[in-house]
Amino acid sequence: MYYLVTGLILVASVLLVLIVLVQNSKGGGLASNFASSNQVMGVRKTADFLEKATWGLAISLLVFSLVATMSIPRNESDIVSTSLMQEQIENAPQPGAIPNLPTATPETATPENETPPAGE
């Protein structure tokens, strides 16, 4: 199902790009090519068709994206990896429980703190 929807998204995206490139914001584009010949559709009908096709493909692309999000395959390995990460988070030591190690500052020896030798 997911791969089918992904294929539909790709097809809708390509068609949307092509239809947008065919249009011209100034009223030209594909509609201007049919200005001299009114065989099946007129100029205005071509522009209306392209506009409706653009909106239809944009809405279908949105719907296909939502359907693809809901149909992403979920494996048991995803659940296991999530539970392993949750277990590591729960077993992590608390920041306050880590012992404070002494700093590496040089000790200054003063005569008052020194102990006299045992022989004196």
C-alpha atoms as a PDB file:
ATOM      1  CA  MET A   1       0.000   0.000   0.000  1.00  0.00           C
ATOM      2  CA  TYR A   2       2.782   2.391   0.957  1.00  0.00           C
ATOM      3  CA  TYR A   3       4.661   1.807  -2.296  1.00  0.00           C
ATOM      4  CA  LEU A   4       1.507   2.307  -4.352  1.00  0.00           C
ATOM      5  CA  VAL A   5       0.818   5.642  -2.660  1.00  0.00           C
ATOM      6  CA  THR A   6       4.459   6.654  -3.087  1.00  0.00           C
ATOM      7  CA  GLY A   7       4.187   5.926  -6.817  1.00  0.00           C
ATOM      8  CA  LEU A   8       0.999   7.994  -7.023  1.00  0.00           C
ATOM      9  CA  ILE A   9       2.785  10.863  -5.263  1.00  0.00           C
ATOM     10  CA  LEU A  10       5.591  10.747  -7.823  1.00  0.00           C
ATOM     11  CA  VAL A  11       3.170  10.685 -10.768  1.00  0.00           C
ATOM     12  CA  ALA A  12       1.098  13.555  -9.346  1.00  0.00           C
ATOM     13  CA  SER A  13       4.266  15.581  -8.681  1.00  0.00           C
ATOM     14  CA  VAL A  14       5.566  15.174 -12.225  1.00  0.00           C
ATOM     15  CA  LEU A  15       2.181  16.033 -13.738  1.00  0.00           C
ATOM     16  CA  LEU A  16       1.865  19.063 -11.485  1.00  0.00           C
ATOM     17  CA  VAL A  17       5.297  20.327 -12.527  1.00  0.00           C
ATOM     18  CA  LEU A  18       4.468  19.859 -16.202  1.00  0.00           C
ATOM     19  CA  ILE A  19       1.110  21.618 -15.942  1.00  0.00           C
ATOM     20  CA  VAL A  20       2.590  24.541 -14.028  1.00  0.00           C
ATOM     21  CA  LEU A  21       5.352  24.904 -16.610  1.00  0.00           C
ATOM     22  CA  VAL A  22       2.823  24.919 -19.451  1.00  0.00           C
ATOM     23  CA  GLN A  23       0.889  27.797 -17.894  1.00  0.00           C
ATOM     24  CA  ASN A  24       1.865  31.419 -18.308  1.00  0.00           C
ATOM     25  CA  SER A  25       0.899  33.962 -15.708  1.00  0.00           C
ATOM     26  CA  LYS A  26       0.276  36.658 -18.357  1.00  0.00           C
ATOM     27  CA  GLY A  27      -2.381  34.676 -20.207  1.00  0.00           C
ATOM     28  CA  GLY A  28      -0.016  33.058 -22.717  1.00  0.00           C
ATOM     29  CA  GLY A  29       1.414  29.588 -22.252  1.00  0.00           C
ATOM     30  CA  LEU A  30      -0.364  26.655 -23.842  1.00  0.00           C
ATOM     31  CA  ALA A  31      -3.525  28.704 -24.277  1.00  0.00           C
ATOM     32  CA  SER A  32      -1.727  31.068 -26.666  1.00  0.00           C
ATOM     33  CA  ASN A  33      -0.889  28.167 -28.998  1.00  0.00           C
ATOM     34  CA  PHE A  34      -4.596  27.499 -29.519  1.00  0.00           C
ATOM     35  CA  ALA A  35      -5.481  31.111 -30.267  1.00  0.00           C
ATOM     36  CA  SER A  36      -5.657  30.600 -34.030  1.00  0.00           C
ATOM     37  CA  SER A  37      -7.408  27.235 -34.050  1.00  0.00           C
ATOM     38  CA  ASN A  38     -10.610  26.524 -32.127  1.00  0.00           C
ATOM     39  CA  GLN A  39     -10.910  22.819 -32.879  1.00  0.00           C
ATOM     40  CA  VAL A  40     -11.960  21.131 -29.640  1.00  0.00           C
ATOM     41  CA  MET A  41     -11.490  23.674 -26.875  1.00  0.00           C
ATOM     42  CA  GLY A  42     -11.216  27.421 -27.011  1.00  0.00           C
ATOM     43  CA  VAL A  43      -8.462  29.533 -25.482  1.00  0.00           C
ATOM     44  CA  ARG A  44     -10.419  30.280 -22.348  1.00  0.00           C
ATOM     45  CA  LYS A  45     -11.434  26.647 -21.876  1.00  0.00           C
ATOM     46  CA  THR A  46      -7.800  25.566 -22.113  1.00  0.00           C
ATOM     47  CA  ALA A  47      -6.802  28.028 -19.409  1.00  0.00           C
ATOM     48  CA  ASP A  48      -9.712  26.896 -17.231  1.00  0.00           C
ATOM     49  CA  PHE A  49      -8.741  23.248 -17.721  1.00  0.00           C
ATOM     50  CA  LEU A  50      -5.122  23.940 -16.769  1.00  0.00           C
ATOM     51  CA  GLU A  51      -6.170  25.855 -13.666  1.00  0.00           C
ATOM     52  CA  LYS A  52      -8.565  23.108 -12.565  1.00  0.00           C
ATOM     53  CA  ALA A  53      -5.935  20.452 -13.256  1.00  0.00           C
ATOM     54  CA  THR A  54      -3.401  22.380 -11.171  1.00  0.00           C
ATOM     55  CA  TRP A  55      -5.758  22.615  -8.222  1.00  0.00           C
ATOM     56  CA  GLY A  56      -6.806  18.979  -8.579  1.00  0.00           C
ATOM     57  CA  LEU A  57      -3.231  17.715  -8.664  1.00  0.00           C
ATOM     58  CA  ALA A  58      -2.202  19.929  -5.737  1.00  0.00           C
ATOM     59  CA  ILE A  59      -5.076  18.616  -3.612  1.00  0.00           C
ATOM     60  CA  SER A  60      -4.404  15.021  -4.666  1.00  0.00           C
ATOM     61  CA  LEU A  61      -0.727  15.446  -3.779  1.00  0.00           C
ATOM     62  CA  LEU A  62      -1.724  16.634  -0.319  1.00  0.00           C
ATOM     63  CA  VAL A  63      -4.144  13.728   0.166  1.00  0.00           C
ATOM     64  CA  PHE A  64      -1.619  11.165  -1.103  1.00  0.00           C
ATOM     65  CA  SER A  65       0.990  12.548   1.282  1.00  0.00           C
ATOM     66  CA  LEU A  66      -1.361  12.176   4.242  1.00  0.00           C
ATOM     67  CA  VAL A  67      -2.301   8.627   3.191  1.00  0.00           C
ATOM     68  CA  ALA A  68       1.378   7.725   2.780  1.00  0.00           C
ATOM     69  CA  THR A  69       2.120   9.035   6.260  1.00  0.00           C
ATOM     70  CA  MET A  70      -0.634   6.881   7.741  1.00  0.00           C
ATOM     71  CA  SER A  71       0.425   3.774   5.797  1.00  0.00           C
ATOM     72  CA  ILE A  72       4.158   3.770   6.599  1.00  0.00           C
ATOM     73  CA  PRO A  73       5.132   0.162   7.413  1.00  0.00           C
ATOM     74  CA  ARG A  74       6.038  -0.249  11.057  1.00  0.00           C
ATOM     75  CA  ASN A  75       8.196  -3.243  11.992  1.00  0.00           C
ATOM     76  CA  GLU A  76       8.765  -4.921  15.323  1.00  0.00           C
ATOM     77  CA  SER A  77      12.425  -3.883  15.089  1.00  0.00           C
ATOM     78  CA  ASP A  78      11.335  -0.239  15.393  1.00  0.00           C
ATOM     79  CA  ILE A  79       9.511  -1.040  18.612  1.00  0.00           C
ATOM     80  CA  VAL A  80      12.466  -3.037  19.992  1.00  0.00           C
ATOM     81  CA  SER A  81      14.975  -0.269  19.220  1.00  0.00           C
ATOM     82  CA  THR A  82      12.701   2.280  20.861  1.00  0.00           C
ATOM     83  CA  SER A  83      12.421   0.150  23.980  1.00  0.00           C
ATOM     84  CA  LEU A  84      16.212  -0.315  24.103  1.00  0.00           C
ATOM     85  CA  MET A  85      16.708   3.443  23.954  1.00  0.00           C
ATOM     86  CA  GLN A  86      14.070   3.919  26.646  1.00  0.00           C
ATOM     87  CA  GLU A  87      15.838   1.341  28.822  1.00  0.00           C
ATOM     88  CA  GLN A  88      19.171   3.160  28.446  1.00  0.00           C
ATOM     89  CA  ILE A  89      17.525   6.448  29.372  1.00  0.00           C
ATOM     90  CA  GLU A  90      15.962   4.917  32.474  1.00  0.00           C
ATOM     91  CA  ASN A  91      19.245   3.281  33.552  1.00  0.00           C
ATOM     92  CA  ALA A  92      21.345   6.426  33.082  1.00  0.00           C
ATOM     93  CA  PRO A  93      22.864   7.750  36.321  1.00  0.00           C
ATOM     94  CA  GLN A  94      21.400  10.898  37.794  1.00  0.00           C
ATOM     95  CA  PRO A  95      23.617  13.987  37.397  1.00  0.00           C
ATOM     96  CA  GLY A  96      23.660  14.542  41.168  1.00  0.00           C
ATOM     97  CA  ALA A  97      24.766  10.946  41.805  1.00  0.00           C
ATOM     98  CA  ILE A  98      28.065  11.372  39.962  1.00  0.00           C
ATOM     99  CA  PRO A  99      30.853  11.876  42.540  1.00  0.00           C
ATOM    100  CA  ASN A 100      32.810  15.107  42.534  1.00  0.00           C
ATOM    101  CA  LEU A 101      36.436  14.331  41.844  1.00  0.00           C
ATOM    102  CA  PRO A 102      39.148  16.517  43.369  1.00  0.00           C
ATOM    103  CA  THR A 103      40.534  19.183  41.141  1.00  0.00           C
ATOM    104  CA  ALA A 104      44.140  19.230  40.055  1.00  0.00           C
ATOM    105  CA  THR A 105      45.250  22.335  41.988  1.00  0.00           C
ATOM    106  CA  PRO A 106      48.753  22.409  43.458  1.00  0.00           C
ATOM    107  CA  GLU A 107      48.803  22.134  47.225  1.00  0.00           C
ATOM    108  CA  THR A 108      50.626  24.858  49.095  1.00  0.00           C
ATOM    109  CA  ALA A 109      52.554  23.549  52.061  1.00  0.00           C
ATOM    110  CA  THR A 110      52.866  25.906  54.972  1.00  0.00           C
ATOM    111  CA  PRO A 111      55.075  25.332  57.988  1.00  0.00           C
ATOM    112  CA  GLU A 112      52.019  25.220  60.242  1.00  0.00           C
ATOM    113  CA  ASN A 113      50.528  22.285  58.344  1.00  0.00           C
ATOM    114  CA  GLU A 114      53.722  20.253  58.218  1.00  0.00           C
ATOM    115  CA  THR A 115      54.264  17.555  60.782  1.00  0.00           C
ATOM    116  CA  PRO A 116      57.696  17.407  62.412  1.00  0.00           C
ATOM    117  CA  PRO A 117      59.898  14.430  61.679  1.00  0.00           C
ATOM    118  CA  ALA A 118      59.560  11.543  64.136  1.00  0.00           C
ATOM    119  CA  GLY A 119      63.179  11.740  65.310  1.00  0.00           C
ATOM    120  CA  GLU A 120      63.124  15.323  66.520  1.00  0.00           C
END
